[in-house]
PDB file of N, CA and C in Angstrom:
ATOM      1  N   MET A   1     115.550 106.929 130.826  1.00  0.00           N
ATOM      2  CA  MET A   1     114.879 108.198 130.606  1.00  0.00           C
ATOM      3  C   MET A   1     113.406 108.124 130.998  1.00  0.00           C
ATOM      4  N   ALA A   2     112.750 107.034 130.642  1.00  0.00           N
ATOM      5  CA  ALA A   2     111.327 106.908 130.954  1.00  0.00           C
ATOM      6  C   ALA A   2     111.096 106.970 132.454  1.00  0.00           C
ATOM      7  N   ASN A   3     111.977 106.336 133.235  1.00  0.00           N
ATOM      8  CA  ASN A   3     111.826 106.374 134.686  1.00  0.00           C
ATOM      9  C   ASN A   3     112.001 107.787 135.221  1.00  0.00           C
ATOM     10  N   ALA A   4     112.945 108.542 134.663  1.00  0.00           N
ATOM     11  CA  ALA A   4     113.156 109.925 135.085  1.00  0.00           C
ATOM     12  C   ALA A   4     111.932 110.768 134.754  1.00  0.00           C
ATOM     13  N   GLN A   5     111.358 110.557 133.561  1.00  0.00           N
ATOM     14  CA  GLN A   5     110.155 111.295 133.195  1.00  0.00           C
ATOM     15  C   GLN A   5     109.001 110.944 134.118  1.00  0.00           C
ATOM     16  N   ASN A   6     108.823 109.659 134.384  1.00  0.00           N
ATOM     17  CA  ASN A   6     107.747 109.247 135.270  1.00  0.00           C
ATOM     18  C   ASN A   6     107.944 109.828 136.658  1.00  0.00           C
ATOM     19  N   ALA A   7     109.188 109.910 137.109  1.00  0.00           N
ATOM     20  CA  ALA A   7     109.465 110.489 138.420  1.00  0.00           C
ATOM     21  C   ALA A   7     109.016 111.941 138.468  1.00  0.00           C
ATOM     22  N   VAL A   8     109.240 112.670 137.396  1.00  0.00           N
ATOM     23  CA  VAL A   8     108.811 114.072 137.343  1.00  0.00           C
ATOM     24  C   VAL A   8     107.294 114.157 137.449  1.00  0.00           C
ATOM     25  N   TYR A   9     106.596 113.293 136.706  1.00  0.00           N
ATOM     26  CA  TYR A   9     105.130 113.343 136.727  1.00  0.00           C
ATOM     27  C   TYR A   9     104.559 112.832 138.045  1.00  0.00           C
ATOM     28  N   ASP A  10     105.269 111.942 138.704  1.00  0.00           N
ATOM     29  CA  ASP A  10     104.859 111.520 140.042  1.00  0.00           C
ATOM     30  C   ASP A  10     105.074 112.643 141.047  1.00  0.00           C
ATOM     31  N   PHE A  11     106.180 113.352 140.880  1.00  0.00           N
ATOM     32  CA  PHE A  11     106.516 114.447 141.787  1.00  0.00           C
ATOM     33  C   PHE A  11     105.605 115.652 141.570  1.00  0.00           C
ATOM     34  N   ILE A  12     105.215 115.892 140.306  1.00  0.00           N
ATOM     35  CA  ILE A  12     104.329 117.015 139.962  1.00  0.00           C
ATOM     36  C   ILE A  12     103.124 116.436 139.211  1.00  0.00           C
ATOM     37  N   PRO A  13     102.166 115.879 139.925  1.00  0.00           N
ATOM     38  CA  PRO A  13     101.030 115.205 139.298  1.00  0.00           C
ATOM     39  C   PRO A  13     100.240 116.087 138.329  1.00  0.00           C
ATOM     40  N   LYS A  14     100.124 117.372 138.621  1.00  0.00           N
ATOM     41  CA  LYS A  14      99.371 118.263 137.737  1.00  0.00           C
ATOM     42  C   LYS A  14     100.008 118.315 136.355  1.00  0.00           C
ATOM     43  N   LEU A  15     101.338 118.275 136.302  1.00  0.00           N
ATOM     44  CA  LEU A  15     102.032 118.271 135.020  1.00  0.00           C
ATOM     45  C   LEU A  15     101.665 117.013 134.219  1.00  0.00           C
ATOM     46  N   GLY A  16     101.615 115.880 134.879  1.00  0.00           N
ATOM     47  CA  GLY A  16     101.204 114.637 134.226  1.00  0.00           C
ATOM     48  C   GLY A  16      99.765 114.688 133.756  1.00  0.00           C
ATOM     49  N   GLN A  17      98.905 115.266 134.575  1.00  0.00           N
ATOM     50  CA  GLN A  17      97.498 115.381 134.196  1.00  0.00           C
ATOM     51  C   GLN A  17      97.341 116.284 132.974  1.00  0.00           C
ATOM     52  N   LEU A  18      98.061 117.408 132.938  1.00  0.00           N
ATOM     53  CA  LEU A  18      97.995 118.305 131.777  1.00  0.00           C
ATOM     54  C   LEU A  18      98.536 117.620 130.526  1.00  0.00           C
ATOM     55  N   ARG A  19      99.614 116.852 130.686  1.00  0.00           N
ATOM     56  CA  ARG A  19     100.158 116.103 129.552  1.00  0.00           C
ATOM     57  C   ARG A  19      99.111 115.138 129.006  1.00  0.00           C
ATOM     58  N   ASP A  20      98.494 114.385 129.903  1.00  0.00           N
ATOM     59  CA  ASP A  20      97.539 113.371 129.473  1.00  0.00           C
ATOM     60  C   ASP A  20      96.234 113.964 128.944  1.00  0.00           C
ATOM     61  N   ASP A  21      95.665 114.916 129.687  1.00  0.00           N
ATOM     62  CA  ASP A  21      94.348 115.451 129.342  1.00  0.00           C
ATOM     63  C   ASP A  21      94.387 116.511 128.253  1.00  0.00           C
ATOM     64  N   VAL A  22      95.347 117.416 128.341  1.00  0.00           N
ATOM     65  CA  VAL A  22      95.374 118.540 127.402  1.00  0.00           C
ATOM     66  C   VAL A  22      96.252 118.219 126.187  1.00  0.00           C
ATOM     67  N   LEU A  23      97.523 117.929 126.441  1.00  0.00           N
ATOM     68  CA  LEU A  23      98.427 117.721 125.305  1.00  0.00           C
ATOM     69  C   LEU A  23      98.026 116.510 124.466  1.00  0.00           C
ATOM     70  N   PHE A  24      97.985 115.327 125.099  1.00  0.00           N
ATOM     71  CA  PHE A  24      97.684 114.128 124.327  1.00  0.00           C
ATOM     72  C   PHE A  24      96.187 113.865 124.196  1.00  0.00           C
ATOM     73  N   GLY A  25      95.385 114.345 125.116  1.00  0.00           N
ATOM     74  CA  GLY A  25      93.948 114.120 125.052  1.00  0.00           C
ATOM     75  C   GLY A  25      93.204 115.111 124.184  1.00  0.00           C
ATOM     76  N   ASP A  26      93.730 116.328 124.042  1.00  0.00           N
ATOM     77  CA  ASP A  26      93.044 117.363 123.268  1.00  0.00           C
ATOM     78  C   ASP A  26      93.875 117.807 122.062  1.00  0.00           C
ATOM     79  N   VAL A  27      95.045 118.336 122.302  1.00  0.00           N
ATOM     80  CA  VAL A  27      95.851 118.906 121.219  1.00  0.00           C
ATOM     81  C   VAL A  27      96.179 117.853 120.160  1.00  0.00           C
ATOM     82  N   TRP A  28      96.697 116.697 120.590  1.00  0.00           N
ATOM     83  CA  TRP A  28      97.069 115.671 119.620  1.00  0.00           C
ATOM     84  C   TRP A  28      95.853 115.034 118.940  1.00  0.00           C
ATOM     85  N   GLU A  29      94.678 115.146 119.547  1.00  0.00           N
ATOM     86  CA  GLU A  29      93.470 114.565 118.964  1.00  0.00           C
ATOM     87  C   GLU A  29      92.686 115.549 118.104  1.00  0.00           C
ATOM     88  N   ASN A  30      93.084 116.817 118.100  1.00  0.00           N
ATOM     89  CA  ASN A  30      92.411 117.817 117.281  1.00  0.00           C
ATOM     90  C   ASN A  30      92.563 117.443 115.808  1.00  0.00           C
ATOM     91  N   THR A  31      91.494 117.578 115.044  1.00  0.00           N
ATOM     92  CA  THR A  31      91.508 117.122 113.655  1.00  0.00           C
ATOM     93  C   THR A  31      91.958 118.198 112.662  1.00  0.00           C
ATOM     94  N   ASP A  32      92.380 119.375 113.131  1.00  0.00           N
ATOM     95  CA  ASP A  32      92.872 120.408 112.215  1.00  0.00           C
ATOM     96  C   ASP A  32      94.120 119.948 111.473  1.00  0.00           C
ATOM     97  N   LEU A  33      94.919 119.111 112.120  1.00  0.00           N
ATOM     98  CA  LEU A  33      96.110 118.521 111.510  1.00  0.00           C
ATOM     99  C   LEU A  33      96.062 117.012 111.718  1.00  0.00           C
ATOM    100  N   SER A  34      96.624 116.288 110.782  1.00  0.00           N
ATOM    101  CA  SER A  34      96.721 114.841 110.971  1.00  0.00           C
ATOM    102  C   SER A  34      97.808 114.557 112.009  1.00  0.00           C
ATOM    103  N   LYS A  35      97.747 113.387 112.597  1.00  0.00           N
ATOM    104  CA  LYS A  35      98.792 113.012 113.557  1.00  0.00           C
ATOM    105  C   LYS A  35     100.145 112.924 112.863  1.00  0.00           C
ATOM    106  N   ARG A  36     100.150 112.529 111.603  1.00  0.00           N
ATOM    107  CA  ARG A  36     101.389 112.474 110.834  1.00  0.00           C
ATOM    108  C   ARG A  36     102.005 113.870 110.727  1.00  0.00           C
ATOM    109  N   ASP A  37     101.177 114.854 110.359  1.00  0.00           N
ATOM    110  CA  ASP A  37     101.674 116.227 110.245  1.00  0.00           C
ATOM    111  C   ASP A  37     102.118 116.763 111.601  1.00  0.00           C
ATOM    112  N   ARG A  38     101.360 116.460 112.640  1.00  0.00           N
ATOM    113  CA  ARG A  38     101.748 116.887 113.989  1.00  0.00           C
ATOM    114  C   ARG A  38     103.106 116.305 114.369  1.00  0.00           C
ATOM    115  N   SER A  39     103.323 115.049 114.019  1.00  0.00           N
ATOM    116  CA  SER A  39     104.610 114.424 114.325  1.00  0.00           C
ATOM    117  C   SER A  39     105.753 115.117 113.591  1.00  0.00           C
ATOM    118  N   LEU A  40     105.561 115.418 112.311  1.00  0.00           N
ATOM    119  CA  LEU A  40     106.597 116.132 111.561  1.00  0.00           C
ATOM    120  C   LEU A  40     106.908 117.480 112.210  1.00  0.00           C
ATOM    121  N   ILE A  41     105.868 118.207 112.552  1.00  0.00           N
ATOM    122  CA  ILE A  41     106.041 119.521 113.175  1.00  0.00           C
ATOM    123  C   ILE A  41     106.739 119.383 114.525  1.00  0.00           C
ATOM    124  N   THR A  42     106.310 118.416 115.305  1.00  0.00           N
ATOM    125  CA  THR A  42     106.881 118.238 116.643  1.00  0.00           C
ATOM    126  C   THR A  42     108.362 117.889 116.567  1.00  0.00           C
ATOM    127  N   VAL A  43     108.726 116.959 115.707  1.00  0.00           N
ATOM    128  CA  VAL A  43     110.137 116.596 115.583  1.00  0.00           C
ATOM    129  C   VAL A  43     110.942 117.792 115.080  1.00  0.00           C
ATOM    130  N   ALA A  44     110.401 118.546 114.130  1.00  0.00           N
ATOM    131  CA  ALA A  44     111.113 119.732 113.635  1.00  0.00           C
ATOM    132  C   ALA A  44     111.321 120.758 114.746  1.00  0.00           C
ATOM    133  N   MET A  45     110.294 120.976 115.543  1.00  0.00           N
ATOM    134  CA  MET A  45     110.411 121.932 116.646  1.00  0.00           C
ATOM    135  C   MET A  45     111.432 121.455 117.676  1.00  0.00           C
ATOM    136  N   LEU A  46     111.386 120.182 118.020  1.00  0.00           N
ATOM    137  CA  LEU A  46     112.335 119.637 118.990  1.00  0.00           C
ATOM    138  C   LEU A  46     113.762 119.723 118.464  1.00  0.00           C
ATOM    139  N   ALA A  47     113.932 119.456 117.171  1.00  0.00           N
ATOM    140  CA  ALA A  47     115.267 119.563 116.570  1.00  0.00           C
ATOM    141  C   ALA A  47     115.740 121.018 116.602  1.00  0.00           C
ATOM    142  N   ALA A  48     114.880 121.937 116.203  1.00  0.00           N
ATOM    143  CA  ALA A  48     115.248 123.352 116.150  1.00  0.00           C
ATOM    144  C   ALA A  48     115.552 123.920 117.531  1.00  0.00           C
ATOM    145  N   LEU A  49     114.878 123.402 118.542  1.00  0.00           N
ATOM    146  CA  LEU A  49     115.074 123.887 119.910  1.00  0.00           C
ATOM    147  C   LEU A  49     116.121 123.082 120.681  1.00  0.00           C
ATOM    148  N   TYR A  50     116.770 122.131 119.987  1.00  0.00           N
ATOM    149  CA  TYR A  50     117.832 121.311 120.588  1.00  0.00           C
ATOM    150  C   TYR A  50     117.312 120.545 121.804  1.00  0.00           C
ATOM    151  N   ARG A  51     116.147 119.966 121.686  1.00  0.00           N
ATOM    152  CA  ARG A  51     115.529 119.217 122.776  1.00  0.00           C
ATOM    153  C   ARG A  51     115.845 117.727 122.626  1.00  0.00           C
ATOM    154  N   THR A  52     117.083 117.391 122.900  1.00  0.00           N
ATOM    155  CA  THR A  52     117.623 116.059 122.675  1.00  0.00           C
ATOM    156  C   THR A  52     116.828 114.971 123.386  1.00  0.00           C
ATOM    157  N   GLU A  53     116.500 115.178 124.640  1.00  0.00           N
ATOM    158  CA  GLU A  53     115.849 114.134 125.443  1.00  0.00           C
ATOM    159  C   GLU A  53     114.463 113.769 124.922  1.00  0.00           C
ATOM    160  N   GLU A  54     113.769 114.729 124.337  1.00  0.00           N
ATOM    161  CA  GLU A  54     112.397 114.486 123.888  1.00  0.00           C
ATOM    162  C   GLU A  54     112.321 113.896 122.483  1.00  0.00           C
ATOM    163  N   MET A  55     113.379 114.046 121.708  1.00  0.00           N
ATOM    164  CA  MET A  55     113.331 113.626 120.304  1.00  0.00           C
ATOM    165  C   MET A  55     113.142 112.127 120.068  1.00  0.00           C
ATOM    166  N   PRO A  56     113.839 111.233 120.780  1.00  0.00           N
ATOM    167  CA  PRO A  56     113.682 109.806 120.439  1.00  0.00           C
ATOM    168  C   PRO A  56     112.232 109.324 120.500  1.00  0.00           C
ATOM    169  N   GLY A  57     111.544 109.662 121.551  1.00  0.00           N
ATOM    170  CA  GLY A  57     110.150 109.230 121.680  1.00  0.00           C
ATOM    171  C   GLY A  57     109.275 109.794 120.583  1.00  0.00           C
ATOM    172  N   HIS A  58     109.514 111.049 120.223  1.00  0.00           N
ATOM    173  CA  HIS A  58     108.693 111.656 119.177  1.00  0.00           C
ATOM    174  C   HIS A  58     109.081 111.160 117.793  1.00  0.00           C
ATOM    175  N   MET A  59     110.338 110.785 117.602  1.00  0.00           N
ATOM    176  CA  MET A  59     110.711 110.166 116.318  1.00  0.00           C
ATOM    177  C   MET A  59     110.018 108.816 116.174  1.00  0.00           C
ATOM    178  N   ARG A  60     109.989 108.038 117.249  1.00  0.00           N
ATOM    179  CA  ARG A  60     109.295 106.744 117.198  1.00  0.00           C
ATOM    180  C   ARG A  60     107.793 106.950 116.993  1.00  0.00           C
ATOM    181  N   ARG A  61     107.239 107.947 117.668  1.00  0.00           N
ATOM    182  CA  ARG A  61     105.811 108.258 117.487  1.00  0.00           C
ATOM    183  C   ARG A  61     105.549 108.663 116.038  1.00  0.00           C
ATOM    184  N   ALA A  62     106.475 109.427 115.450  1.00  0.00           N
ATOM    185  CA  ALA A  62     106.324 109.846 114.056  1.00  0.00           C
ATOM    186  C   ALA A  62     106.249 108.625 113.137  1.00  0.00           C
ATOM    187  N   LEU A  63     107.105 107.643 113.376  1.00  0.00           N
ATOM    188  CA  LEU A  63     107.051 106.414 112.573  1.00  0.00           C
ATOM    189  C   LEU A  63     105.696 105.733 112.727  1.00  0.00           C
ATOM    190  N   ASP A  64     105.208 105.674 113.963  1.00  0.00           N
ATOM    191  CA  ASP A  64     103.889 105.078 114.218  1.00  0.00           C
ATOM    192  C   ASP A  64     102.782 105.855 113.519  1.00  0.00           C
ATOM    193  N   ASN A  65     103.002 107.160 113.333  1.00  0.00           N
ATOM    194  CA  ASN A  65     101.991 108.016 112.706  1.00  0.00           C
ATOM    195  C   ASN A  65     102.176 108.134 111.191  1.00  0.00           C
ATOM    196  N   GLY A  66     103.049 107.305 110.611  1.00  0.00           N
ATOM    197  CA  GLY A  66     103.156 107.241 109.156  1.00  0.00           C
ATOM    198  C   GLY A  66     104.298 108.019 108.525  1.00  0.00           C
ATOM    199  N   VAL A  67     105.117 108.674 109.322  1.00  0.00           N
ATOM    200  CA  VAL A  67     106.284 109.368 108.791  1.00  0.00           C
ATOM    201  C   VAL A  67     107.360 108.313 108.535  1.00  0.00           C
ATOM    202  N   THR A  68     108.072 108.446 107.427  1.00  0.00           N
ATOM    203  CA  THR A  68     109.108 107.463 107.112  1.00  0.00           C
ATOM    204  C   THR A  68     110.466 107.922 107.646  1.00  0.00           C
ATOM    205  N   GLU A  69     111.372 106.972 107.752  1.00  0.00           N
ATOM    206  CA  GLU A  69     112.744 107.294 108.156  1.00  0.00           C
ATOM    207  C   GLU A  69     113.354 108.284 107.165  1.00  0.00           C
ATOM    208  N   THR A  70     113.097 108.089 105.878  1.00  0.00           N
ATOM    209  CA  THR A  70     113.616 108.995 104.849  1.00  0.00           C
ATOM    210  C   THR A  70     113.084 110.404 105.048  1.00  0.00           C
ATOM    211  N   GLU A  71     111.813 110.532 105.390  1.00  0.00           N
ATOM    212  CA  GLU A  71     111.234 111.859 105.627  1.00  0.00           C
ATOM    213  C   GLU A  71     111.862 112.523 106.841  1.00  0.00           C
ATOM    214  N   LEU A  72     112.124 111.747 107.891  1.00  0.00           N
ATOM    215  CA  LEU A  72     112.787 112.327 109.069  1.00  0.00           C
ATOM    216  C   LEU A  72     114.202 112.780 108.735  1.00  0.00           C
ATOM    217  N   LYS A  73     114.906 112.032 107.909  1.00  0.00           N
ATOM    218  CA  LYS A  73     116.238 112.460 107.472  1.00  0.00           C
ATOM    219  C   LYS A  73     116.142 113.760 106.678  1.00  0.00           C
ATOM    220  N   GLY A  74     115.152 113.860 105.811  1.00  0.00           N
ATOM    221  CA  GLY A  74     114.943 115.096 105.056  1.00  0.00           C
ATOM    222  C   GLY A  74     114.595 116.258 105.960  1.00  0.00           C
ATOM    223  N   LEU A  75     113.789 116.013 106.973  1.00  0.00           N
ATOM    224  CA  LEU A  75     113.441 117.041 107.955  1.00  0.00           C
ATOM    225  C   LEU A  75     114.695 117.551 108.647  1.00  0.00           C
ATOM    226  N   ILE A  76     115.572 116.649 109.041  1.00  0.00           N
ATOM    227  CA  ILE A  76     116.797 117.039 109.739  1.00  0.00           C
ATOM    228  C   ILE A  76     117.677 117.881 108.824  1.00  0.00           C
ATOM    229  N   THR A  77     117.824 117.473 107.579  1.00  0.00           N
ATOM    230  CA  THR A  77     118.619 118.247 106.625  1.00  0.00           C
ATOM    231  C   THR A  77     118.023 119.635 106.441  1.00  0.00           C
ATOM    232  N   HIS A  78     116.718 119.711 106.315  1.00  0.00           N
ATOM    233  CA  HIS A  78     116.024 120.997 106.149  1.00  0.00           C
ATOM    234  C   HIS A  78     116.254 121.897 107.365  1.00  0.00           C
ATOM    235  N   CYS A  79     116.208 121.303 108.546  1.00  0.00           N
ATOM    236  CA  CYS A  79     116.425 122.072 109.780  1.00  0.00           C
ATOM    237  C   CYS A  79     117.809 122.715 109.818  1.00  0.00           C
ATOM    238  N   ALA A  80     118.782 122.085 109.185  1.00  0.00           N
ATOM    239  CA  ALA A  80     120.141 122.642 109.203  1.00  0.00           C
ATOM    240  C   ALA A  80     120.167 124.071 108.683  1.00  0.00           C
ATOM    241  N   PHE A  81     119.347 124.364 107.707  1.00  0.00           N
ATOM    242  CA  PHE A  81     119.375 125.679 107.073  1.00  0.00           C
ATOM    243  C   PHE A  81     118.444 126.693 107.731  1.00  0.00           C
ATOM    244  N   TYR A  82     117.513 126.242 108.541  1.00  0.00           N
ATOM    245  CA  TYR A  82     116.588 127.159 109.195  1.00  0.00           C
ATOM    246  C   TYR A  82     116.793 127.255 110.697  1.00  0.00           C
ATOM    247  N   ALA A  83     117.331 126.203 111.306  1.00  0.00           N
ATOM    248  CA  ALA A  83     117.547 126.213 112.754  1.00  0.00           C
ATOM    249  C   ALA A  83     119.024 126.232 113.116  1.00  0.00           C
ATOM    250  N   GLY A  84     119.866 125.884 112.165  1.00  0.00           N
ATOM    251  CA  GLY A  84     121.296 125.889 112.405  1.00  0.00           C
ATOM    252  C   GLY A  84     121.899 124.504 112.328  1.00  0.00           C
ATOM    253  N   TRP A  85     123.153 124.492 111.910  1.00  0.00           N
ATOM    254  CA  TRP A  85     123.860 123.235 111.713  1.00  0.00           C
ATOM    255  C   TRP A  85     123.950 122.407 112.989  1.00  0.00           C
ATOM    256  N   PRO A  86     124.303 122.997 114.138  1.00  0.00           N
ATOM    257  CA  PRO A  86     124.394 122.191 115.362  1.00  0.00           C
ATOM    258  C   PRO A  86     123.068 121.510 115.728  1.00  0.00           C
ATOM    259  N   CYS A  87     121.961 122.181 115.513  1.00  0.00           N
ATOM    260  CA  CYS A  87     120.661 121.564 115.816  1.00  0.00           C
ATOM    261  C   CYS A  87     120.415 120.354 114.926  1.00  0.00           C
ATOM    262  N   ALA A  88     120.770 120.475 113.650  1.00  0.00           N
ATOM    263  CA  ALA A  88     120.571 119.359 112.723  1.00  0.00           C
ATOM    264  C   ALA A  88     121.494 118.191 113.052  1.00  0.00           C
ATOM    265  N   VAL A  89     122.753 118.488 113.353  1.00  0.00           N
ATOM    266  CA  VAL A  89     123.690 117.415 113.696  1.00  0.00           C
ATOM    267  C   VAL A  89     123.239 116.714 114.971  1.00  0.00           C
ATOM    268  N   ASN A  90     122.769 117.477 115.946  1.00  0.00           N
ATOM    269  CA  ASN A  90     122.255 116.875 117.173  1.00  0.00           C
ATOM    270  C   ASN A  90     121.054 115.974 116.870  1.00  0.00           C
ATOM    271  N   ALA A  91     120.125 116.446 116.050  1.00  0.00           N
ATOM    272  CA  ALA A  91     118.969 115.630 115.673  1.00  0.00           C
ATOM    273  C   ALA A  91     119.420 114.384 114.914  1.00  0.00           C
ATOM    274  N   GLY A  92     120.463 114.519 114.097  1.00  0.00           N
ATOM    275  CA  GLY A  92     121.008 113.367 113.390  1.00  0.00           C
ATOM    276  C   GLY A  92     121.573 112.326 114.341  1.00  0.00           C
ATOM    277  N   ARG A  93     122.237 112.803 115.382  1.00  0.00           N
ATOM    278  CA  ARG A  93     122.762 111.868 116.396  1.00  0.00           C
ATOM    279  C   ARG A  93     121.627 111.117 117.081  1.00  0.00           C
ATOM    280  N   VAL A  94     120.563 111.840 117.377  1.00  0.00           N
ATOM    281  CA  VAL A  94     119.397 111.193 117.996  1.00  0.00           C
ATOM    282  C   VAL A  94     118.808 110.168 117.031  1.00  0.00           C
ATOM    283  N   ALA A  95     118.674 110.544 115.769  1.00  0.00           N
ATOM    284  CA  ALA A  95     118.114 109.623 114.765  1.00  0.00           C
ATOM    285  C   ALA A  95     118.977 108.377 114.627  1.00  0.00           C
ATOM    286  N   LEU A  96     120.283 108.530 114.714  1.00  0.00           N
ATOM    287  CA  LEU A  96     121.173 107.364 114.665  1.00  0.00           C
ATOM    288  C   LEU A  96     120.858 106.392 115.786  1.00  0.00           C
ATOM    289  N   LYS A  97     120.581 106.921 116.963  1.00  0.00           N
ATOM    290  CA  LYS A  97     120.238 106.058 118.103  1.00  0.00           C
ATOM    291  C   LYS A  97     118.883 105.383 117.891  1.00  0.00           C
ATOM    292  N   VAL A  98     117.955 106.108 117.266  1.00  0.00           N
ATOM    293  CA  VAL A  98     116.615 105.562 117.046  1.00  0.00           C
ATOM    294  C   VAL A  98     116.617 104.542 115.896  1.00  0.00           C
ATOM    295  N   PHE A  99     117.336 104.857 114.802  1.00  0.00           N
ATOM    296  CA  PHE A  99     117.290 104.019 113.602  1.00  0.00           C
ATOM    297  C   PHE A  99     118.524 103.154 113.400  1.00  0.00           C
ATOM    298  N   GLY A 100     119.598 103.474 114.097  1.00  0.00           N
ATOM    299  CA  GLY A 100     120.871 102.792 113.862  1.00  0.00           C
ATOM    300  C   GLY A 100     120.878 101.339 114.272  1.00  0.00           C
ATOM    301  N   PRO A 101     121.983 100.669 113.942  1.00  0.00           N
ATOM    302  CA  PRO A 101     122.073  99.229 114.221  1.00  0.00           C
ATOM    303  C   PRO A 101     122.083  98.912 115.720  1.00  0.00           C
ATOM    304  N   ASP A 102     122.412  99.887 116.562  1.00  0.00           N
ATOM    305  CA  ASP A 102     122.471  99.646 117.997  1.00  0.00           C
ATOM    306  C   ASP A 102     121.193 100.026 118.718  1.00  0.00           C
ATOM    307  N   LYS A 103     120.096 100.253 117.982  1.00  0.00           N
ATOM    308  CA  LYS A 103     118.860 100.735 118.594  1.00  0.00           C
ATOM    309  C   LYS A 103     118.268  99.816 119.600  1.00  0.00           C
TER     310      LYS A 103
END
């Protein structure tokens, strides 16, 4: 997956520059929210929008930003009732890959 993502940013350099300078350089560094809170919000949004490919990296980032595995499980359960059961089950499958014994 990382190679495919890098290929996209190599093919469309402006997209990579916006990711680096704006998204991660400005938005993620803004102090209105902690990085921990941003991670929770981001994973919830990705789960609700069924963005399977983006979730593993952001789940790992969430752990790095202080979110616990238990909190991510709670987030997924909560999403079931606000985003729909299929979105939560999909996020659960992603979490299994991130946290499971075969990670």
